[in-house]
Amino acid sequence: MDAADLADVQVELGDMHDADSAVVFDPQGSLLILCVATTGSGDVPDDAQSLYNSLLSTPRYLGGLRYGLIALGDSSYGATFCGGALHFETVLQDLGATRLGEILQLDAMEEPEPEQAAIRWFDEWKKTAGLTQ
């Protein structure tokens, strides 16, 4: 990504480890990209539990939030593939947020260069979000 592509956009990069629902709540509307792995049997990973549990325990209407979702998983786990991210998808949809574009599901068994796939997805997502032409 070229920095000039997002020259007029304020970008914050954060770790979900200590985040709560206030991170995604913006009554004026905002854009969010979540990158979520899956652990165990389709579970939200430990470092994302705080944010996920906060969304569940203190729900707020997120109608102004538009988001993209990158899901990391391993298809050899079958029905629980990318389950951690799909849990976030469900709660964000239930709270009124709008997903832009398709969910990028990166399969550890199939994707030799996940970073390159994520960059291609992000280039399309920026267009969908109206950030580039």
N, C-alpha and C. Protein backbone atom coordinates (compact mmCIF):
# COMPACT_ATOMS: atom_id res chain seq x y z
N MET A 1 0.85 -1.16 0.00
CA MET A 1 0.00 0.00 0.00
C MET A 1 0.89 1.22 0.00
N ASP A 2 0.57 2.15 -0.84
CA ASP A 2 1.27 3.42 -0.93
C ASP A 2 0.62 4.39 0.05
N ALA A 3 1.42 5.07 0.87
CA ALA A 3 0.88 6.00 1.85
C ALA A 3 0.04 7.08 1.19
N ALA A 4 0.35 7.44 -0.05
CA ALA A 4 -0.42 8.46 -0.76
C ALA A 4 -1.85 8.01 -1.00
N ASP A 5 -2.09 6.71 -1.03
CA ASP A 5 -3.44 6.18 -1.24
C ASP A 5 -4.38 6.59 -0.11
N LEU A 6 -3.86 6.81 1.07
CA LEU A 6 -4.69 7.13 2.23
C LEU A 6 -4.28 8.46 2.86
N ALA A 7 -3.80 9.40 2.03
CA ALA A 7 -3.27 10.66 2.53
C ALA A 7 -4.28 11.45 3.36
N ASP A 8 -5.56 11.37 3.02
CA ASP A 8 -6.58 12.15 3.73
C ASP A 8 -7.33 11.34 4.77
N VAL A 9 -6.82 10.18 5.13
CA VAL A 9 -7.51 9.29 6.05
C VAL A 9 -6.67 9.12 7.31
N GLN A 10 -7.30 9.29 8.46
CA GLN A 10 -6.61 9.02 9.72
C GLN A 10 -6.67 7.52 9.99
N VAL A 11 -5.52 6.92 10.18
CA VAL A 11 -5.43 5.47 10.38
C VAL A 11 -4.84 5.20 11.76
N GLU A 12 -5.49 4.30 12.49
CA GLU A 12 -4.95 3.83 13.76
C GLU A 12 -4.79 2.33 13.68
N LEU A 13 -3.65 1.86 14.08
CA LEU A 13 -3.38 0.43 14.12
C LEU A 13 -3.38 0.02 15.58
N GLY A 14 -4.15 -0.99 15.90
CA GLY A 14 -4.25 -1.38 17.30
C GLY A 14 -4.23 -2.88 17.49
N ASP A 15 -3.92 -3.25 18.70
CA ASP A 15 -3.92 -4.64 19.12
C ASP A 15 -5.23 -4.89 19.87
N MET A 16 -5.89 -5.98 19.61
CA MET A 16 -7.17 -6.28 20.25
C MET A 16 -7.00 -6.75 21.69
N HIS A 17 -5.78 -6.97 22.12
CA HIS A 17 -5.55 -7.59 23.42
C HIS A 17 -6.30 -6.90 24.58
N ASP A 18 -6.22 -5.59 24.66
CA ASP A 18 -6.87 -4.88 25.75
C ASP A 18 -8.02 -4.00 25.27
N ALA A 19 -8.49 -4.20 24.06
CA ALA A 19 -9.53 -3.35 23.49
C ALA A 19 -10.91 -3.73 24.04
N ASP A 20 -11.81 -2.75 24.03
CA ASP A 20 -13.20 -3.04 24.38
C ASP A 20 -14.09 -2.40 23.32
N SER A 21 -15.40 -2.47 23.50
CA SER A 21 -16.33 -2.03 22.46
C SER A 21 -16.22 -0.55 22.16
N ALA A 22 -15.64 0.25 23.05
CA ALA A 22 -15.46 1.67 22.78
C ALA A 22 -14.56 1.89 21.57
N VAL A 23 -13.68 0.94 21.28
CA VAL A 23 -12.79 1.03 20.14
C VAL A 23 -13.57 1.11 18.83
N VAL A 24 -14.67 0.38 18.73
CA VAL A 24 -15.42 0.34 17.48
C VAL A 24 -16.63 1.26 17.48
N PHE A 25 -16.96 1.87 18.63
CA PHE A 25 -18.13 2.73 18.69
C PHE A 25 -17.76 4.14 18.30
N ASP A 26 -18.38 4.63 17.24
CA ASP A 26 -18.19 6.00 16.77
C ASP A 26 -19.51 6.46 16.19
N PRO A 27 -20.23 7.32 16.89
CA PRO A 27 -21.55 7.73 16.41
C PRO A 27 -21.48 8.47 15.07
N GLN A 28 -20.33 8.99 14.70
CA GLN A 28 -20.18 9.70 13.43
C GLN A 28 -19.91 8.73 12.28
N GLY A 29 -19.64 7.52 12.60
CA GLY A 29 -19.32 6.54 11.56
C GLY A 29 -17.82 6.42 11.40
N SER A 30 -17.38 5.23 11.16
CA SER A 30 -15.96 4.99 10.95
C SER A 30 -15.78 3.71 10.15
N LEU A 31 -14.54 3.47 9.80
CA LEU A 31 -14.16 2.26 9.09
C LEU A 31 -13.26 1.44 10.00
N LEU A 32 -13.40 0.15 9.93
CA LEU A 32 -12.63 -0.76 10.75
C LEU A 32 -12.29 -2.00 9.94
N ILE A 33 -11.06 -2.45 10.07
CA ILE A 33 -10.68 -3.75 9.53
C ILE A 33 -10.23 -4.60 10.70
N LEU A 34 -10.87 -5.73 10.85
CA LEU A 34 -10.48 -6.70 11.87
C LEU A 34 -9.78 -7.88 11.20
N CYS A 35 -8.69 -8.29 11.78
CA CYS A 35 -7.98 -9.49 11.34
C CYS A 35 -8.00 -10.44 12.52
N VAL A 36 -8.75 -11.54 12.37
CA VAL A 36 -9.02 -12.43 13.49
C VAL A 36 -8.63 -13.87 13.14
N ALA A 37 -7.82 -14.45 14.00
CA ALA A 37 -7.46 -15.86 13.87
C ALA A 37 -8.52 -16.71 14.55
N THR A 38 -8.33 -18.01 14.47
CA THR A 38 -9.23 -18.95 15.12
C THR A 38 -8.39 -19.90 15.96
N THR A 39 -8.89 -20.21 17.14
CA THR A 39 -8.20 -21.17 18.00
C THR A 39 -9.16 -22.28 18.39
N GLY A 40 -8.59 -23.34 18.93
CA GLY A 40 -9.42 -24.43 19.45
C GLY A 40 -10.40 -24.94 18.42
N SER A 41 -11.66 -25.00 18.81
CA SER A 41 -12.72 -25.51 17.94
C SER A 41 -13.54 -24.36 17.38
N GLY A 42 -12.87 -23.46 16.66
CA GLY A 42 -13.56 -22.33 16.06
C GLY A 42 -13.76 -21.17 17.01
N ASP A 43 -12.88 -21.03 17.98
CA ASP A 43 -13.02 -20.03 19.03
C ASP A 43 -12.31 -18.73 18.68
N VAL A 44 -12.75 -17.65 19.34
CA VAL A 44 -12.07 -16.37 19.27
C VAL A 44 -10.76 -16.52 20.04
N PRO A 45 -9.63 -16.06 19.49
CA PRO A 45 -8.36 -16.22 20.19
C PRO A 45 -8.29 -15.40 21.47
N ASP A 46 -7.41 -15.79 22.36
CA ASP A 46 -7.28 -15.13 23.66
C ASP A 46 -7.09 -13.63 23.53
N ASP A 47 -6.24 -13.18 22.60
CA ASP A 47 -5.95 -11.76 22.51
C ASP A 47 -7.13 -10.94 21.98
N ALA A 48 -8.16 -11.58 21.46
CA ALA A 48 -9.34 -10.87 20.97
C ALA A 48 -10.54 -11.04 21.90
N GLN A 49 -10.40 -11.83 22.96
CA GLN A 49 -11.51 -12.10 23.87
C GLN A 49 -12.06 -10.84 24.53
N SER A 50 -11.17 -9.93 24.93
CA SER A 50 -11.61 -8.72 25.60
C SER A 50 -12.57 -7.91 24.72
N LEU A 51 -12.19 -7.69 23.49
CA LEU A 51 -13.05 -6.94 22.56
C LEU A 51 -14.34 -7.70 22.28
N TYR A 52 -14.23 -8.98 21.98
CA TYR A 52 -15.41 -9.78 21.66
C TYR A 52 -16.39 -9.80 22.84
N ASN A 53 -15.89 -10.05 24.03
CA ASN A 53 -16.76 -10.11 25.20
C ASN A 53 -17.38 -8.75 25.53
N SER A 54 -16.63 -7.69 25.27
CA SER A 54 -17.16 -6.35 25.50
C SER A 54 -18.31 -6.05 24.53
N LEU A 55 -18.18 -6.47 23.29
CA LEU A 55 -19.27 -6.28 22.32
C LEU A 55 -20.52 -7.02 22.75
N LEU A 56 -20.33 -8.19 23.35
CA LEU A 56 -21.47 -8.98 23.82
C LEU A 56 -22.08 -8.43 25.11
N SER A 57 -21.23 -8.00 26.03
CA SER A 57 -21.72 -7.63 27.36
C SER A 57 -22.22 -6.19 27.46
N THR A 58 -21.70 -5.31 26.62
CA THR A 58 -22.15 -3.91 26.61
C THR A 58 -22.51 -3.52 25.19
N PRO A 59 -23.57 -4.12 24.66
CA PRO A 59 -23.91 -3.85 23.26
C PRO A 59 -24.30 -2.40 23.03
N ARG A 60 -23.87 -1.88 21.91
CA ARG A 60 -24.22 -0.53 21.47
C ARG A 60 -24.61 -0.65 20.00
N TYR A 61 -25.48 0.23 19.58
CA TYR A 61 -25.85 0.25 18.17
C TYR A 61 -24.66 0.75 17.37
N LEU A 62 -24.21 -0.03 16.42
CA LEU A 62 -23.04 0.29 15.61
C LEU A 62 -23.42 0.60 14.16
N GLY A 63 -24.57 1.21 13.97
CA GLY A 63 -25.06 1.49 12.62
C GLY A 63 -24.14 2.37 11.80
N GLY A 64 -23.28 3.16 12.43
CA GLY A 64 -22.36 4.01 11.69
C GLY A 64 -21.06 3.33 11.32
N LEU A 65 -20.86 2.13 11.81
CA LEU A 65 -19.60 1.43 11.57
C LEU A 65 -19.66 0.63 10.28
N ARG A 66 -18.66 0.82 9.45
CA ARG A 66 -18.47 0.00 8.25
C ARG A 66 -17.14 -0.73 8.43
N TYR A 67 -17.14 -2.01 8.15
CA TYR A 67 -15.95 -2.79 8.48
C TYR A 67 -15.61 -3.81 7.40
N GLY A 68 -14.37 -4.25 7.46
CA GLY A 68 -13.88 -5.36 6.65
C GLY A 68 -13.35 -6.42 7.60
N LEU A 69 -13.37 -7.65 7.14
CA LEU A 69 -12.99 -8.75 8.02
C LEU A 69 -12.03 -9.70 7.31
N ILE A 70 -10.88 -9.90 7.94
CA ILE A 70 -9.90 -10.87 7.47
C ILE A 70 -9.92 -12.02 8.48
N ALA A 71 -10.19 -13.22 7.99
CA ALA A 71 -10.32 -14.39 8.85
C ALA A 71 -9.16 -15.34 8.59
N LEU A 72 -8.48 -15.72 9.64
CA LEU A 72 -7.38 -16.66 9.54
C LEU A 72 -7.83 -18.01 10.10
N GLY A 73 -7.56 -19.05 9.34
CA GLY A 73 -7.98 -20.36 9.80
C GLY A 73 -7.28 -21.49 9.08
N ASP A 74 -7.70 -22.68 9.39
CA ASP A 74 -7.12 -23.90 8.83
C ASP A 74 -8.29 -24.79 8.41
N SER A 75 -8.45 -24.97 7.12
CA SER A 75 -9.61 -25.71 6.61
C SER A 75 -9.63 -27.17 7.04
N SER A 76 -8.52 -27.69 7.53
CA SER A 76 -8.53 -29.07 7.99
C SER A 76 -9.41 -29.25 9.22
N TYR A 77 -9.82 -28.13 9.85
CA TYR A 77 -10.72 -28.19 11.00
C TYR A 77 -12.19 -28.23 10.59
N GLY A 78 -12.45 -28.27 9.29
CA GLY A 78 -13.81 -28.45 8.80
C GLY A 78 -14.77 -27.34 9.14
N ALA A 79 -15.84 -27.68 9.85
CA ALA A 79 -16.93 -26.75 10.12
C ALA A 79 -16.53 -25.55 10.97
N THR A 80 -15.40 -25.64 11.67
CA THR A 80 -14.98 -24.53 12.53
C THR A 80 -13.97 -23.62 11.83
N PHE A 81 -13.73 -23.85 10.54
CA PHE A 81 -12.79 -23.04 9.75
C PHE A 81 -13.15 -21.55 9.87
N CYS A 82 -12.20 -20.75 10.27
CA CYS A 82 -12.34 -19.29 10.43
C CYS A 82 -13.42 -18.92 11.44
N GLY A 83 -13.71 -19.80 12.35
CA GLY A 83 -14.78 -19.57 13.33
C GLY A 83 -14.58 -18.35 14.21
N GLY A 84 -13.34 -18.05 14.59
CA GLY A 84 -13.08 -16.88 15.43
C GLY A 84 -13.58 -15.60 14.77
N ALA A 85 -13.24 -15.42 13.52
CA ALA A 85 -13.68 -14.23 12.78
C ALA A 85 -15.19 -14.25 12.55
N LEU A 86 -15.73 -15.42 12.28
CA LEU A 86 -17.17 -15.49 12.03
C LEU A 86 -17.99 -15.16 13.27
N HIS A 87 -17.42 -15.40 14.46
CA HIS A 87 -18.09 -14.96 15.70
C HIS A 87 -18.18 -13.43 15.72
N PHE A 88 -17.08 -12.77 15.32
CA PHE A 88 -17.10 -11.31 15.24
C PHE A 88 -18.11 -10.84 14.19
N GLU A 89 -18.15 -11.52 13.08
CA GLU A 89 -19.10 -11.16 12.01
C GLU A 89 -20.53 -11.17 12.55
N THR A 90 -20.88 -12.20 13.28
CA THR A 90 -22.23 -12.32 13.81
C THR A 90 -22.56 -11.19 14.78
N VAL A 91 -21.67 -10.92 15.72
CA VAL A 91 -21.97 -9.88 16.71
C VAL A 91 -21.98 -8.49 16.07
N LEU A 92 -21.08 -8.22 15.14
CA LEU A 92 -21.09 -6.90 14.49
C LEU A 92 -22.36 -6.70 13.68
N GLN A 93 -22.79 -7.73 12.96
CA GLN A 93 -24.04 -7.64 12.20
C GLN A 93 -25.22 -7.43 13.14
N ASP A 94 -25.26 -8.17 14.25
CA ASP A 94 -26.34 -8.03 15.22
C ASP A 94 -26.41 -6.62 15.82
N LEU A 95 -25.27 -5.94 15.90
CA LEU A 95 -25.23 -4.59 16.48
C LEU A 95 -25.44 -3.50 15.42
N GLY A 96 -25.70 -3.90 14.18
CA GLY A 96 -26.05 -2.94 13.14
C GLY A 96 -24.92 -2.46 12.26
N ALA A 97 -23.71 -2.97 12.46
CA ALA A 97 -22.58 -2.57 11.62
C ALA A 97 -22.76 -3.14 10.21
N THR A 98 -22.10 -2.52 9.25
CA THR A 98 -22.21 -2.92 7.85
C THR A 98 -20.86 -3.41 7.35
N ARG A 99 -20.82 -4.65 6.90
CA ARG A 99 -19.59 -5.18 6.31
C ARG A 99 -19.48 -4.69 4.89
N LEU A 100 -18.29 -4.22 4.54
CA LEU A 100 -18.00 -3.81 3.17
C LEU A 100 -17.18 -4.91 2.51
N GLY A 101 -17.63 -5.38 1.38
CA GLY A 101 -16.90 -6.42 0.67
C GLY A 101 -17.10 -7.78 1.31
N GLU A 102 -16.42 -8.74 0.72
CA GLU A 102 -16.48 -10.11 1.20
C GLU A 102 -15.49 -10.31 2.34
N ILE A 103 -15.73 -11.30 3.16
CA ILE A 103 -14.77 -11.70 4.18
C ILE A 103 -13.61 -12.40 3.48
N LEU A 104 -12.39 -11.97 3.80
CA LEU A 104 -11.22 -12.66 3.28
C LEU A 104 -10.90 -13.82 4.21
N GLN A 105 -11.05 -15.03 3.72
CA GLN A 105 -10.73 -16.21 4.51
C GLN A 105 -9.39 -16.76 4.04
N LEU A 106 -8.40 -16.64 4.91
CA LEU A 106 -7.06 -17.12 4.59
C LEU A 106 -6.87 -18.49 5.22
N ASP A 107 -6.66 -19.47 4.38
CA ASP A 107 -6.53 -20.85 4.81
C ASP A 107 -5.06 -21.22 4.93
N ALA A 108 -4.63 -21.56 6.13
CA ALA A 108 -3.23 -21.93 6.37
C ALA A 108 -2.82 -23.15 5.55
N MET A 109 -3.78 -23.97 5.16
CA MET A 109 -3.47 -25.17 4.37
C MET A 109 -3.30 -24.86 2.88
N GLU A 110 -3.85 -23.74 2.43
CA GLU A 110 -3.89 -23.47 0.99
C GLU A 110 -3.14 -22.22 0.55
N GLU A 111 -2.98 -21.24 1.42
CA GLU A 111 -2.45 -19.94 1.02
C GLU A 111 -0.97 -19.83 1.35
N PRO A 112 -0.08 -19.98 0.33
CA PRO A 112 1.35 -19.92 0.61
C PRO A 112 1.84 -18.52 0.97
N GLU A 113 1.16 -17.48 0.49
CA GLU A 113 1.56 -16.11 0.77
C GLU A 113 0.36 -15.30 1.26
N PRO A 114 -0.06 -15.50 2.52
CA PRO A 114 -1.25 -14.82 3.01
C PRO A 114 -1.14 -13.30 2.98
N GLU A 115 0.07 -12.77 3.15
CA GLU A 115 0.24 -11.33 3.13
C GLU A 115 -0.14 -10.75 1.77
N GLN A 116 0.27 -11.44 0.71
CA GLN A 116 -0.04 -10.97 -0.64
C GLN A 116 -1.54 -11.03 -0.92
N ALA A 117 -2.18 -12.08 -0.46
CA ALA A 117 -3.64 -12.19 -0.62
C ALA A 117 -4.34 -11.07 0.14
N ALA A 118 -3.84 -10.75 1.33
CA ALA A 118 -4.44 -9.68 2.14
C ALA A 118 -4.26 -8.32 1.47
N ILE A 119 -3.11 -8.08 0.86
CA ILE A 119 -2.88 -6.81 0.16
C ILE A 119 -3.83 -6.68 -1.02
N ARG A 120 -4.01 -7.75 -1.78
CA ARG A 120 -4.95 -7.70 -2.93
C ARG A 120 -6.37 -7.43 -2.43
N TRP A 121 -6.77 -8.11 -1.36
CA TRP A 121 -8.10 -7.89 -0.78
C TRP A 121 -8.25 -6.45 -0.32
N PHE A 122 -7.23 -5.92 0.36
CA PHE A 122 -7.29 -4.56 0.89
C PHE A 122 -7.40 -3.53 -0.23
N ASP A 123 -6.71 -3.75 -1.34
CA ASP A 123 -6.83 -2.82 -2.48
C ASP A 123 -8.27 -2.74 -2.97
N GLU A 124 -8.95 -3.87 -3.04
CA GLU A 124 -10.36 -3.88 -3.44
C GLU A 124 -11.25 -3.27 -2.35
N TRP A 125 -10.94 -3.57 -1.09
CA TRP A 125 -11.73 -3.06 0.03
C TRP A 125 -11.69 -1.54 0.07
N LYS A 126 -10.52 -0.95 -0.18
CA LYS A 126 -10.39 0.51 -0.19
C LYS A 126 -11.33 1.12 -1.22
N LYS A 127 -11.45 0.49 -2.37
CA LYS A 127 -12.37 1.00 -3.41
C LYS A 127 -13.81 0.91 -2.92
N THR A 128 -14.19 -0.22 -2.33
CA THR A 128 -15.53 -0.41 -1.82
C THR A 128 -15.85 0.61 -0.73
N ALA A 129 -14.85 0.94 0.08
CA ALA A 129 -15.04 1.90 1.18
C ALA A 129 -15.00 3.35 0.68
N GLY A 130 -14.70 3.54 -0.60
CA GLY A 130 -14.64 4.89 -1.15
C GLY A 130 -13.36 5.63 -0.81
N LEU A 131 -12.31 4.90 -0.49
CA LEU A 131 -11.04 5.54 -0.14
C LEU A 131 -10.14 5.78 -1.34
N THR A 132 -10.39 5.07 -2.44
CA THR A 132 -9.60 5.25 -3.65
C THR A 132 -10.54 5.14 -4.85
N GLN A 133 -10.00 5.52 -5.99
CA GLN A 133 -10.79 5.44 -7.23
C GLN A 133 -10.74 4.04 -7.80
